[in-house]
Every structure is written in structure tokens, then in C-alpha cells.
Amino acid sequence: MPNVLHIVDSFNQGGTERQAVQLVRLLAASERFRPFVACLNAEGVLRTEVERLGLGDVEEYRLTSFHDRNFAAQLRRFARLLREREIDIVHAHDFYTNVFGMAGASLARTRGRIASKRETEGFRTPAQKFVERCAFRLAHRVVVNADAVGSMLTRQGVPTAKIATVYNGLDSARVRPPKDFTREAALAALGLPSEPGRVFVTIVANLRHAVKDHSMFLRAVARVHAEVPEAAFVVAGEGHLEESLREQASELGIGREVFFTGRCARVAELLAVSDVCVLSSKAEGFSNAILEYMAAGRPVVATDVGGAREAVVEGETGHLVASGDDETMAARIVALLRDPARARAMGERGRARVEEKFSCEAQLARTEELYDGLLARAAARAARGVSDVSGAGA
């Protein structure tokens, strides 16, 4: 059974980390590949989930810079681990692990090297982009979570043949309410108002990055509130931007209508009580939040960035609007709130689309196909006596 090591930045509850841990769990259950896990920072609530899988020690490689002695020392440690555990494939999941993982796997001459790119423009500095391109040259494949991300990499010079699209997989259990669910109890647990006639518009996105553009969402909220005064608005996510967003809501006169929940441990209940779900990002790769909205049977109003249109079918499962266009976003939300039957139908079509195209089973099958192809090519290179340190020959 081939050994595959997944390296993640941390075990914090982010979309990338959740997808990586989910994939490891799926691989462990399928028993076609033996997964291992390493990280750059061992902190985070998802570590417990990995430890429950019984995959062995999770090695940590803390970095302070890409340019100091510690980086070189950690790289040697990592390469030694890859040799000792006879790792066949290293699969990195984000910017920092791309750089560290591809360098270490090249040093260890690992047969299969996979980097990942999960976002479009707007996240990295020119220096970071240069370093990541170097990592991509060392990789045999670069996994993207949307064709839109792959197209961006092609424009940046990454060979098309090296790019593989593996869509995020959605575990429907994450958005399935408990059997004893009631709307009243859920609203009470979430700290939301339960007056008759209330409707809820929800955004689930971290408050750590301005690229999520909660400011646009709040501008749209002010417009919606003027048209649908019975609406309440939920901002689920944690981060240092919360204070400034609270101030903006107050300045817009909607401070009492917007509810900041922090990190939401009750995502299934939150989505179940939501009437419309929104994402206002300036840039994305492929949004986990959009998949969760759709899987929960909610209509989506999202900005047309990254891979959003690969998930949302305009007019069928929701609406797409231009980034920054809060006026159109508000109009779409108002229309859905005023036509709940149409909103429910959109949500049901969205749920069916997730089950068909973005399931965990589809994610696992595509990943195993990718691994099989890499190992077959590595075997063919070995038979020809061809060395491939750079990854360019894959």
C-alpha cells in the first residue's frame, strides 16, 4: 500500500485545513493508500480529529523564516522522515506547505510531489508569488479546487499538464441539523431573535481577511433592511476585523439588526434557520461556505469571483453579482426574501447539485486517480532510468 504524507500549516478551523483533514479521513477509510500527517504548527481544534484516526505521530516543523538556519534544519528533519517512513507521495495544501513540502520532498527524492493552490488573486505579495512558483516547479502536480484557479496559474506560466482540478468535497453531515431540531430552540441557542415573521440573511466567513469584504455585505444589509425591515442579519466568523465591522454597522444604522456570532459551532442549525445565504468576497478559490449553503438547501447570493460560478448556477441555485456591487446584491436578497417559494426551490436545486458534483466520494475518487497516475509515471521514469528532481518531467 503506497504511503502518502499530507502536510498542513496548522489544525485551525479554516476551509483549507478542514478539507485536508477530511481528505485524510477519507483516504484512511478507503484503505488504498496509507496516509500520514505532518504540520508546520501543531495548534488547532482539528488535531484531535486527526489523532482519532490512529495514523501515528503528527510531526511538527515550526518555521521562523524561509531564509534562516532553522528552515534548513527543519527541511533536513522532514526529508529524513520521508525516507524513514518510505513516503511515496507528499501532498501539500497551502502556500507555506507548498514551499516547505516541495523542497523537502525534492531533497528526499520522493516519487510523487503535489502542491496546491486554493485561491485566486488578492492574497499574495509579488515576493510570495515568486517563491510559490519555484515550489510549483518542484511539484509533479498542482492541485486546484476550481478551474478558475487553474486558468490563473496557466496565465502565470504553470504548465497546463501539471494542473489537476479536484473540487472541494462536502460532508453533508456537517450541515444536517440534529434530530431534535426546532427553529425556536436553534434561535435561542444561537442568540438570535425569535419574533414571529423574522427572516434571516447569513454570511459565514472568517473576519481575519479583508478579502472577504464584509464591508460590502453590510452596505447591502443597509439596503435590504430599508426594504425588508423584519430581516435580521447574521455574521458568523471570528477575527480581528469584528470591531471595525461593528462600528460600520452602527454608522449605517443597522447595528441592532446585525448579529455577530463569532466562530459558530452550530453551523447546521444556523443554516437551517437562514432564509438566504451570502458571500461577498473580493477573491476566492472555491468557497467551502457556498457548498455548505447549497448542501443545506439555502439559496445563495455571492460575488462572481474565483470558482463561484462553477458551483452556483445563476438563476437556478442562486445569484452571482459583481464584486463590490452592494446595490445588486441587496436587490437579489430582497427578491428572494419576498418570494420564499422560489427561494426554497433554488435551495433544493442547490442541494441536488452538491450531492451530484461536490460529494466527498467524488473528491476521494479524483484524488486516488491523481495518486495512481503519479505513481505509474514515477514507475515508468524509473524503468527508463530517468531522474526527475525538478518535477518538470512529470
Foldseek 3Di string as FASTA:
>chain_A
DAEEEEEEAECAPDPLNVLSLLLQVVCLVVPPYQYHYEYQYHDYDCNVVVVVSVSDDHHHQHDDDCPDPSLVVSLVVLLVVCVVVVHQEYAYGDLVCLLSVLSSCLVNLRLAYEAEDWWAPDDDDPVSVVSNVQSLLSHLAYEAQAVLRLVRVVVVPRDSVRYDHQHRADDLVQQAADPPDDLVVLCVVQVHDDDPPEAEEEEEDAQADCQQVVVLVLVLVLVLCVVPVSYAYEYAHYHDNVVVVLVSNVVSVNNVRYHYRYHDPRNNSVLLRHAEYETQGNMTAHDPRLLSNLLSLFAYEYEPHHRPCVQQPDPQQYHYDHRSCSVVSSVRVNVCVVPSVSRNRSSPVSSVSSVVDRHSVSSNVSVVVVVVVSVVVSVVCVVVVHRDSRSVVD
